[in-house]
Amino acid sequence: LADLEQRIGPRVRLANDADCFALSEASDGAGADHHTV
């Protein structure tokens, strides 16, 4: 994260790829209508 911020500025967030999967499906995927996914 620190190395990327040096190159492109403080506009980067990192997450585990499984976390990203969960967030995608909870945002507008199969879990979008559920409180906890």
PDB file of all heavy atoms in Angstrom:
ATOM      1  N   LEU A   1       0.828  -1.208   0.000  1.00  0.00           N
ATOM      2  CA  LEU A   1       0.000   0.000   0.000  1.00  0.00           C
ATOM      3  C   LEU A   1       0.859   1.252   0.000  1.00  0.00           C
ATOM      4  O   LEU A   1       0.616   2.176  -0.788  1.00  0.00           O
ATOM      5  CB  LEU A   1      -0.934  -0.001   1.210  1.00  0.00           C
ATOM      6  CG  LEU A   1      -1.841   1.225   1.346  1.00  0.00           C
ATOM      7  CD1 LEU A   1      -2.758   1.349   0.138  1.00  0.00           C
ATOM      8  CD2 LEU A   1      -2.659   1.146   2.634  1.00  0.00           C
ATOM      9  N   ALA A   2       1.859   1.306   0.857  1.00  0.00           N
ATOM     10  CA  ALA A   2       2.720   2.485   0.926  1.00  0.00           C
ATOM     11  C   ALA A   2       3.454   2.712  -0.390  1.00  0.00           C
ATOM     12  O   ALA A   2       3.579   3.855  -0.867  1.00  0.00           O
ATOM     13  CB  ALA A   2       3.717   2.342   2.075  1.00  0.00           C
ATOM     14  N   ASP A   3       3.930   1.633  -1.003  1.00  0.00           N
ATOM     15  CA  ASP A   3       4.652   1.776  -2.273  1.00  0.00           C
ATOM     16  C   ASP A   3       3.734   2.265  -3.379  1.00  0.00           C
ATOM     17  O   ASP A   3       4.135   3.079  -4.227  1.00  0.00           O
ATOM     18  CB  ASP A   3       5.286   0.443  -2.660  1.00  0.00           C
ATOM     19  CG  ASP A   3       6.495   0.095  -1.798  1.00  0.00           C
ATOM     20  OD1 ASP A   3       7.037   1.011  -1.146  1.00  0.00           O
ATOM     21  OD2 ASP A   3       6.889  -1.095  -1.779  1.00  0.00           O
ATOM     22  N   LEU A   4       2.491   1.772  -3.403  1.00  0.00           N
ATOM     23  CA  LEU A   4       1.550   2.233  -4.425  1.00  0.00           C
ATOM     24  C   LEU A   4       1.147   3.688  -4.191  1.00  0.00           C
ATOM     25  O   LEU A   4       0.986   4.452  -5.150  1.00  0.00           O
ATOM     26  CB  LEU A   4       0.317   1.335  -4.433  1.00  0.00           C
ATOM     27  CG  LEU A   4       0.526  -0.067  -5.013  1.00  0.00           C
ATOM     28  CD1 LEU A   4      -0.707  -0.923  -4.789  1.00  0.00           C
ATOM     29  CD2 LEU A   4       0.854   0.008  -6.500  1.00  0.00           C
ATOM     30  N   GLU A   5       0.981   4.068  -2.941  1.00  0.00           N
ATOM     31  CA  GLU A   5       0.632   5.464  -2.647  1.00  0.00           C
ATOM     32  C   GLU A   5       1.739   6.415  -3.097  1.00  0.00           C
ATOM     33  O   GLU A   5       1.470   7.536  -3.514  1.00  0.00           O
ATOM     34  CB  GLU A   5       0.342   5.630  -1.164  1.00  0.00           C
ATOM     35  CG  GLU A   5      -0.994   5.032  -0.745  1.00  0.00           C
ATOM     36  CD  GLU A   5      -1.287   5.242   0.722  1.00  0.00           C
ATOM     37  OE1 GLU A   5      -0.316   5.403   1.509  1.00  0.00           O
ATOM     38  OE2 GLU A   5      -2.480   5.253   1.093  1.00  0.00           O
ATOM     39  N   GLN A   6       2.983   5.976  -3.022  1.00  0.00           N
ATOM     40  CA  GLN A   6       4.085   6.806  -3.499  1.00  0.00           C
ATOM     41  C   GLN A   6       3.996   7.031  -5.000  1.00  0.00           C
ATOM     42  O   GLN A   6       4.376   8.088  -5.504  1.00  0.00           O
ATOM     43  CB  GLN A   6       5.425   6.154  -3.160  1.00  0.00           C
ATOM     44  CG  GLN A   6       5.839   6.304  -1.701  1.00  0.00           C
ATOM     45  CD  GLN A   6       7.263   5.822  -1.461  1.00  0.00           C
ATOM     46  OE1 GLN A   6       7.859   5.162  -2.320  1.00  0.00           O
ATOM     47  NE2 GLN A   6       7.809   6.153  -0.308  1.00  0.00           N
ATOM     48  N   ARG A   7       3.466   6.041  -5.708  1.00  0.00           N
ATOM     49  CA  ARG A   7       3.420   6.113  -7.167  1.00  0.00           C
ATOM     50  C   ARG A   7       2.161   6.809  -7.687  1.00  0.00           C
ATOM     51  O   ARG A   7       2.243   7.547  -8.672  1.00  0.00           O
ATOM     52  CB  ARG A   7       3.520   4.709  -7.771  1.00  0.00           C
ATOM     53  CG  ARG A   7       4.900   4.083  -7.602  1.00  0.00           C
ATOM     54  CD  ARG A   7       4.897   2.627  -8.066  1.00  0.00           C
ATOM     55  NE  ARG A   7       6.212   2.042  -7.932  1.00  0.00           N
ATOM     56  CZ  ARG A   7       6.998   1.696  -8.960  1.00  0.00           C
ATOM     57  NH1 ARG A   7       6.581   1.892 -10.195  1.00  0.00           N
ATOM     58  NH2 ARG A   7       8.173   1.167  -8.747  1.00  0.00           N
ATOM     59  N   ILE A   8       1.017   6.566  -7.035  1.00  0.00           N
ATOM     60  CA  ILE A   8      -0.230   7.098  -7.608  1.00  0.00           C
ATOM     61  C   ILE A   8      -1.034   7.944  -6.625  1.00  0.00           C
ATOM     62  O   ILE A   8      -2.129   8.387  -6.960  1.00  0.00           O
ATOM     63  CB  ILE A   8      -1.115   5.961  -8.163  1.00  0.00           C
ATOM     64  CG1 ILE A   8      -1.537   5.008  -7.056  1.00  0.00           C
ATOM     65  CG2 ILE A   8      -0.394   5.215  -9.275  1.00  0.00           C
ATOM     66  CD1 ILE A   8      -2.463   3.900  -7.542  1.00  0.00           C
ATOM     67  N   GLY A   9      -0.494   8.158  -5.432  1.00  0.00           N
ATOM     68  CA  GLY A   9      -1.176   9.026  -4.481  1.00  0.00           C
ATOM     69  C   GLY A   9      -2.050   8.273  -3.506  1.00  0.00           C
ATOM     70  O   GLY A   9      -2.264   7.062  -3.638  1.00  0.00           O
ATOM     71  N   PRO A  10      -2.601   8.988  -2.507  1.00  0.00           N
ATOM     72  CA  PRO A  10      -3.395   8.357  -1.431  1.00  0.00           C
ATOM     73  C   PRO A  10      -4.834   8.082  -1.845  1.00  0.00           C
ATOM     74  O   PRO A  10      -5.784   8.556  -1.235  1.00  0.00           O
ATOM     75  CB  PRO A  10      -3.324   9.399  -0.313  1.00  0.00           C
ATOM     76  CG  PRO A  10      -3.238  10.694  -1.044  1.00  0.00           C
ATOM     77  CD  PRO A  10      -2.402  10.425  -2.271  1.00  0.00           C
ATOM     78  N   ARG A  11      -4.986   7.302  -2.876  1.00  0.00           N
ATOM     79  CA  ARG A  11      -6.323   6.960  -3.369  1.00  0.00           C
ATOM     80  C   ARG A  11      -6.445   5.458  -3.601  1.00  0.00           C
ATOM     81  O   ARG A  11      -7.203   5.012  -4.452  1.00  0.00           O
ATOM     82  CB  ARG A  11      -6.643   7.724  -4.650  1.00  0.00           C
ATOM     83  CG  ARG A  11      -5.573   7.573  -5.755  1.00  0.00           C
ATOM     84  CD  ARG A  11      -5.935   8.403  -6.979  1.00  0.00           C
ATOM     85  NE  ARG A  11      -4.874   8.433  -7.970  1.00  0.00           N
ATOM     86  CZ  ARG A  11      -5.004   8.006  -9.230  1.00  0.00           C
ATOM     87  NH1 ARG A  11      -6.156   7.492  -9.631  1.00  0.00           N
ATOM     88  NH2 ARG A  11      -4.012   8.107 -10.074  1.00  0.00           N
ATOM     89  N   VAL A  12      -5.681   4.687  -2.826  1.00  0.00           N
ATOM     90  CA  VAL A  12      -5.636   3.240  -2.995  1.00  0.00           C
ATOM     91  C   VAL A  12      -6.157   2.555  -1.742  1.00  0.00           C
ATOM     92  O   VAL A  12      -5.819   2.949  -0.620  1.00  0.00           O
ATOM     93  CB  VAL A  12      -4.196   2.750  -3.264  1.00  0.00           C
ATOM     94  CG1 VAL A  12      -4.189   1.248  -3.530  1.00  0.00           C
ATOM     95  CG2 VAL A  12      -3.572   3.511  -4.417  1.00  0.00           C
ATOM     96  N   ARG A  13      -6.972   1.523  -1.925  1.00  0.00           N
ATOM     97  CA  ARG A  13      -7.373   0.636  -0.838  1.00  0.00           C
ATOM     98  C   ARG A  13      -7.093  -0.796  -1.260  1.00  0.00           C
ATOM     99  O   ARG A  13      -7.298  -1.162  -2.415  1.00  0.00           O
ATOM    100  CB  ARG A  13      -8.855   0.808  -0.491  1.00  0.00           C
ATOM    101  CG  ARG A  13      -9.164   2.148   0.177  1.00  0.00           C
ATOM    102  CD  ARG A  13     -10.611   2.270   0.589  1.00  0.00           C
ATOM    103  NE  ARG A  13     -10.847   3.557   1.245  1.00  0.00           N
ATOM    104  CZ  ARG A  13     -12.040   3.976   1.667  1.00  0.00           C
ATOM    105  NH1 ARG A  13     -13.109   3.213   1.520  1.00  0.00           N
ATOM    106  NH2 ARG A  13     -12.162   5.157   2.252  1.00  0.00           N
ATOM    107  N   LEU A  14      -6.629  -1.592  -0.294  1.00  0.00           N
ATOM    108  CA  LEU A  14      -6.328  -3.002  -0.529  1.00  0.00           C
ATOM    109  C   LEU A  14      -7.262  -3.881   0.288  1.00  0.00           C
ATOM    110  O   LEU A  14      -7.665  -3.509   1.388  1.00  0.00           O
ATOM    111  CB  LEU A  14      -4.887  -3.330  -0.115  1.00  0.00           C
ATOM    112  CG  LEU A  14      -3.739  -2.580  -0.772  1.00  0.00           C
ATOM    113  CD1 LEU A  14      -2.415  -3.053  -0.163  1.00  0.00           C
ATOM    114  CD2 LEU A  14      -3.733  -2.789  -2.276  1.00  0.00           C
ATOM    115  N   ALA A  15      -7.582  -5.042  -0.254  1.00  0.00           N
ATOM    116  CA  ALA A  15      -8.352  -6.027   0.500  1.00  0.00           C
ATOM    117  C   ALA A  15      -8.038  -7.409  -0.048  1.00  0.00           C
ATOM    118  O   ALA A  15      -7.620  -7.566  -1.209  1.00  0.00           O
ATOM    119  CB  ALA A  15      -9.844  -5.749   0.416  1.00  0.00           C
ATOM    120  N   ASN A  16      -8.244  -8.404   0.790  1.00  0.00           N
ATOM    121  CA  ASN A  16      -8.119  -9.786   0.350  1.00  0.00           C
ATOM    122  C   ASN A  16      -9.100 -10.064  -0.780  1.00  0.00           C
ATOM    123  O   ASN A  16     -10.209  -9.524  -0.807  1.00  0.00           O
ATOM    124  CB  ASN A  16      -8.385 -10.701   1.546  1.00  0.00           C
ATOM    125  CG  ASN A  16      -8.338 -12.164   1.178  1.00  0.00           C
ATOM    126  OD1 ASN A  16      -9.367 -12.769   0.897  1.00  0.00           O
ATOM    127  ND2 ASN A  16      -7.153 -12.742   1.171  1.00  0.00           N
ATOM    128  N   ASP A  17      -8.719 -10.916  -1.721  1.00  0.00           N
ATOM    129  CA  ASP A  17      -9.584 -11.162  -2.879  1.00  0.00           C
ATOM    130  C   ASP A  17     -10.909 -11.811  -2.481  1.00  0.00           C
ATOM    131  O   ASP A  17     -11.945 -11.551  -3.110  1.00  0.00           O
ATOM    132  CB  ASP A  17      -8.871 -11.980  -3.950  1.00  0.00           C
ATOM    133  CG  ASP A  17      -8.116 -13.184  -3.414  1.00  0.00           C
ATOM    134  OD1 ASP A  17      -8.316 -13.556  -2.239  1.00  0.00           O
ATOM    135  OD2 ASP A  17      -7.307 -13.757  -4.167  1.00  0.00           O
ATOM    136  N   ALA A  18     -10.906 -12.623  -1.423  1.00  0.00           N
ATOM    137  CA  ALA A  18     -12.168 -13.203  -0.957  1.00  0.00           C
ATOM    138  C   ALA A  18     -13.072 -12.129  -0.351  1.00  0.00           C
ATOM    139  O   ALA A  18     -14.295 -12.167  -0.500  1.00  0.00           O
ATOM    140  CB  ALA A  18     -11.910 -14.299   0.067  1.00  0.00           C
ATOM    141  N   ASP A  19     -12.469 -11.146   0.331  1.00  0.00           N
ATOM    142  CA  ASP A  19     -13.246 -10.020   0.845  1.00  0.00           C
ATOM    143  C   ASP A  19     -13.893  -9.248  -0.295  1.00  0.00           C
ATOM    144  O   ASP A  19     -15.052  -8.818  -0.200  1.00  0.00           O
ATOM    145  CB  ASP A  19     -12.354  -9.072   1.656  1.00  0.00           C
ATOM    146  CG  ASP A  19     -11.950  -9.651   2.996  1.00  0.00           C
ATOM    147  OD1 ASP A  19     -12.629 -10.565   3.482  1.00  0.00           O
ATOM    148  OD2 ASP A  19     -10.947  -9.173   3.559  1.00  0.00           O
ATOM    149  N   CYS A  20     -13.138  -9.069  -1.373  1.00  0.00           N
ATOM    150  CA  CYS A  20     -13.676  -8.351  -2.531  1.00  0.00           C
ATOM    151  C   CYS A  20     -14.837  -9.108  -3.153  1.00  0.00           C
ATOM    152  O   CYS A  20     -15.843  -8.504  -3.563  1.00  0.00           O
ATOM    153  CB  CYS A  20     -12.577  -8.114  -3.564  1.00  0.00           C
ATOM    154  SG  CYS A  20     -11.321  -6.924  -3.032  1.00  0.00           S
ATOM    155  N   PHE A  21     -14.715 -10.423  -3.226  1.00  0.00           N
ATOM    156  CA  PHE A  21     -15.825 -11.241  -3.719  1.00  0.00           C
ATOM    157  C   PHE A  21     -17.069 -11.025  -2.873  1.00  0.00           C
ATOM    158  O   PHE A  21     -18.168 -10.799  -3.395  1.00  0.00           O
ATOM    159  CB  PHE A  21     -15.435 -12.719  -3.717  1.00  0.00           C
ATOM    160  CG  PHE A  21     -16.606 -13.654  -3.864  1.00  0.00           C
ATOM    161  CD1 PHE A  21     -17.164 -13.885  -5.106  1.00  0.00           C
ATOM    162  CD2 PHE A  21     -17.175 -14.279  -2.759  1.00  0.00           C
ATOM    163  CE1 PHE A  21     -18.267 -14.717  -5.252  1.00  0.00           C
ATOM    164  CE2 PHE A  21     -18.264 -15.110  -2.888  1.00  0.00           C
ATOM    165  CZ  PHE A  21     -18.816 -15.338  -4.143  1.00  0.00           C
ATOM    166  N   ALA A  22     -16.910 -11.089  -1.559  1.00  0.00           N
ATOM    167  CA  ALA A  22     -18.054 -10.927  -0.660  1.00  0.00           C
ATOM    168  C   ALA A  22     -18.678  -9.546  -0.820  1.00  0.00           C
ATOM    169  O   ALA A  22     -19.911  -9.407  -0.855  1.00  0.00           O
ATOM    170  CB  ALA A  22     -17.612 -11.143   0.785  1.00  0.00           C
ATOM    171  N   LEU A  23     -17.853  -8.515  -0.922  1.00  0.00           N
ATOM    172  CA  LEU A  23     -18.365  -7.154  -1.059  1.00  0.00           C
ATOM    173  C   LEU A  23     -19.118  -6.984  -2.372  1.00  0.00           C
ATOM    174  O   LEU A  23     -20.175  -6.339  -2.417  1.00  0.00           O
ATOM    175  CB  LEU A  23     -17.215  -6.159  -0.970  1.00  0.00           C
ATOM    176  CG  LEU A  23     -17.589  -4.686  -1.020  1.00  0.00           C
ATOM    177  CD1 LEU A  23     -18.563  -4.312   0.094  1.00  0.00           C
ATOM    178  CD2 LEU A  23     -16.332  -3.814  -0.952  1.00  0.00           C
ATOM    179  N   SER A  24     -18.603  -7.568  -3.443  1.00  0.00           N
ATOM    180  CA  SER A  24     -19.278  -7.485  -4.739  1.00  0.00           C
ATOM    181  C   SER A  24     -20.660  -8.117  -4.683  1.00  0.00           C
ATOM    182  O   SER A  24     -21.657  -7.517  -5.105  1.00  0.00           O
ATOM    183  CB  SER A  24     -18.431  -8.181  -5.806  1.00  0.00           C
ATOM    184  OG  SER A  24     -19.144  -8.298  -7.025  1.00  0.00           O
ATOM    185  N   GLU A  25     -20.734  -9.330  -4.152  1.00  0.00           N
ATOM    186  CA  GLU A  25     -22.016 -10.039  -4.131  1.00  0.00           C
ATOM    187  C   GLU A  25     -23.002  -9.397  -3.161  1.00  0.00           C
ATOM    188  O   GLU A  25     -24.215  -9.461  -3.368  1.00  0.00           O
ATOM    189  CB  GLU A  25     -21.792 -11.505  -3.790  1.00  0.00           C
ATOM    190  CG  GLU A  25     -21.062 -12.280  -4.882  1.00  0.00           C
ATOM    191  CD  GLU A  25     -21.825 -12.325  -6.202  1.00  0.00           C
ATOM    192  OE1 GLU A  25     -23.073 -12.342  -6.169  1.00  0.00           O
ATOM    193  OE2 GLU A  25     -21.178 -12.331  -7.256  1.00  0.00           O
ATOM    194  N   ALA A  26     -22.490  -8.747  -2.108  1.00  0.00           N
ATOM    195  CA  ALA A  26     -23.372  -8.048  -1.175  1.00  0.00           C
ATOM    196  C   ALA A  26     -23.827  -6.704  -1.723  1.00  0.00           C
ATOM    197  O   ALA A  26     -24.911  -6.221  -1.370  1.00  0.00           O
ATOM    198  CB  ALA A  26     -22.652  -7.846   0.162  1.00  0.00           C
ATOM    199  N   SER A  27     -23.025  -6.107  -2.598  1.00  0.00           N
ATOM    200  CA  SER A  27     -23.348  -4.772  -3.117  1.00  0.00           C
ATOM    201  C   SER A  27     -24.418  -4.828  -4.204  1.00  0.00           C
ATOM    202  O   SER A  27     -25.426  -4.125  -4.129  1.00  0.00           O
ATOM    203  CB  SER A  27     -22.081  -4.103  -3.670  1.00  0.00           C
ATOM    204  OG  SER A  27     -21.146  -3.873  -2.645  1.00  0.00           O
ATOM    205  N   ASP A  28     -24.197  -5.648  -5.215  1.00  0.00           N
ATOM    206  CA  ASP A  28     -25.177  -5.723  -6.308  1.00  0.00           C
ATOM    207  C   ASP A  28     -25.218  -7.115  -6.922  1.00  0.00           C
ATOM    208  O   ASP A  28     -25.470  -7.275  -8.109  1.00  0.00           O
ATOM    209  CB  ASP A  28     -24.884  -4.661  -7.384  1.00  0.00           C
ATOM    210  CG  ASP A  28     -23.537  -4.844  -8.067  1.00  0.00           C
ATOM    211  OD1 ASP A  28     -22.750  -5.698  -7.611  1.00  0.00           O
ATOM    212  OD2 ASP A  28     -23.260  -4.136  -9.052  1.00  0.00           O
ATOM    213  N   GLY A  29     -24.990  -8.115  -6.086  1.00  0.00           N
ATOM    214  CA  GLY A  29     -25.003  -9.497  -6.560  1.00  0.00           C
ATOM    215  C   GLY A  29     -26.039 -10.334  -5.853  1.00  0.00           C
ATOM    216  O   GLY A  29     -27.107  -9.847  -5.450  1.00  0.00           O
ATOM    217  N   ALA A  30     -25.721 -11.595  -5.645  1.00  0.00           N
ATOM    218  CA  ALA A  30     -26.689 -12.536  -5.075  1.00  0.00           C
ATOM    219  C   ALA A  30     -27.109 -12.180  -3.656  1.00  0.00           C
ATOM    220  O   ALA A  30     -28.206 -12.530  -3.227  1.00  0.00           O
ATOM    221  CB  ALA A  30     -26.100 -13.948  -5.098  1.00  0.00           C
ATOM    222  N   GLY A  31     -26.260 -11.476  -2.916  1.00  0.00           N
ATOM    223  CA  GLY A  31     -26.574 -11.137  -1.539  1.00  0.00           C
ATOM    224  C   GLY A  31     -27.057  -9.717  -1.337  1.00  0.00           C
ATOM    225  O   GLY A  31     -27.139  -9.243  -0.193  1.00  0.00           O
ATOM    226  N   ALA A  32     -27.405  -9.035  -2.419  1.00  0.00           N
ATOM    227  CA  ALA A  32     -27.706  -7.598  -2.336  1.00  0.00           C
ATOM    228  C   ALA A  32     -28.889  -7.277  -1.431  1.00  0.00           C
ATOM    229  O   ALA A  32     -28.944  -6.188  -0.860  1.00  0.00           O
ATOM    230  CB  ALA A  32     -27.945  -7.040  -3.736  1.00  0.00           C
ATOM    231  N   ASP A  33     -29.833  -8.179  -1.275  1.00  0.00           N
ATOM    232  CA  ASP A  33     -31.024  -7.908  -0.467  1.00  0.00           C
ATOM    233  C   ASP A  33     -30.904  -8.432   0.964  1.00  0.00           C
ATOM    234  O   ASP A  33     -31.895  -8.475   1.691  1.00  0.00           O
ATOM    235  CB  ASP A  33     -32.259  -8.535  -1.126  1.00  0.00           C
ATOM    236  CG  ASP A  33     -32.563  -7.902  -2.477  1.00  0.00           C
ATOM    237  OD1 ASP A  33     -32.300  -6.699  -2.633  1.00  0.00           O
ATOM    238  OD2 ASP A  33     -33.058  -8.627  -3.367  1.00  0.00           O
ATOM    239  N   HIS A  34     -29.692  -8.800   1.375  1.00  0.00           N
ATOM    240  CA  HIS A  34     -29.502  -9.412   2.681  1.00  0.00           C
ATOM    241  C   HIS A  34     -28.659  -8.534   3.594  1.00  0.00           C
ATOM    242  O   HIS A  34     -27.667  -7.943   3.172  1.00  0.00           O
ATOM    243  CB  HIS A  34     -28.869 -10.792   2.531  1.00  0.00           C
ATOM    244  CG  HIS A  34     -29.722 -11.763   1.781  1.00  0.00           C
ATOM    245  ND1 HIS A  34     -30.716 -12.502   2.388  1.00  0.00           N
ATOM    246  CD2 HIS A  34     -29.748 -12.102   0.466  1.00  0.00           C
ATOM    247  CE1 HIS A  34     -31.307 -13.267   1.482  1.00  0.00           C
ATOM    248  NE2 HIS A  34     -30.743 -13.040   0.298  1.00  0.00           N
ATOM    249  N   HIS A  35     -29.049  -8.484   4.854  1.00  0.00           N
ATOM    250  CA  HIS A  35     -28.393  -7.630   5.848  1.00  0.00           C
ATOM    251  C   HIS A  35     -26.949  -8.062   6.112  1.00  0.00           C
ATOM    252  O   HIS A  35     -26.031  -7.245   6.154  1.00  0.00           O
ATOM    253  CB  HIS A  35     -29.207  -7.680   7.143  1.00  0.00           C
ATOM    254  CG  HIS A  35     -28.537  -7.100   8.339  1.00  0.00           C
ATOM    255  ND1 HIS A  35     -28.148  -5.782   8.407  1.00  0.00           N
ATOM    256  CD2 HIS A  35     -28.170  -7.669   9.521  1.00  0.00           C
ATOM    257  CE1 HIS A  35     -27.574  -5.555   9.587  1.00  0.00           C
ATOM    258  NE2 HIS A  35     -27.581  -6.690  10.270  1.00  0.00           N
ATOM    259  N   THR A  36     -26.732  -9.351   6.300  1.00  0.00           N
ATOM    260  CA  THR A  36     -25.404  -9.890   6.589  1.00  0.00           C
ATOM    261  C   THR A  36     -25.083 -10.970   5.568  1.00  0.00           C
ATOM    262  O   THR A  36     -25.854 -11.913   5.397  1.00  0.00           O
ATOM    263  CB  THR A  36     -25.348 -10.503   8.001  1.00  0.00           C
ATOM    264  OG1 THR A  36     -25.780  -9.540   8.951  1.00  0.00           O
ATOM    265  CG2 THR A  36     -23.937 -10.934   8.351  1.00  0.00           C
ATOM    266  N   VAL A  37     -23.944 -10.830   4.891  1.00  0.00           N
ATOM    267  CA  VAL A  37     -23.563 -11.767   3.829  1.00  0.00           C
ATOM    268  C   VAL A  37     -22.187 -12.336   4.123  1.00  0.00           C
ATOM    269  O   VAL A  37     -21.220 -11.581   4.367  1.00  0.00           O
ATOM    270  CB  VAL A  37     -23.543 -11.067   2.455  1.00  0.00           C
ATOM    271  CG1 VAL A  37     -23.065 -12.032   1.365  1.00  0.00           C
ATOM    272  CG2 VAL A  37     -24.925 -10.522   2.116  1.00  0.00           C
TER     273      VAL A  37
END
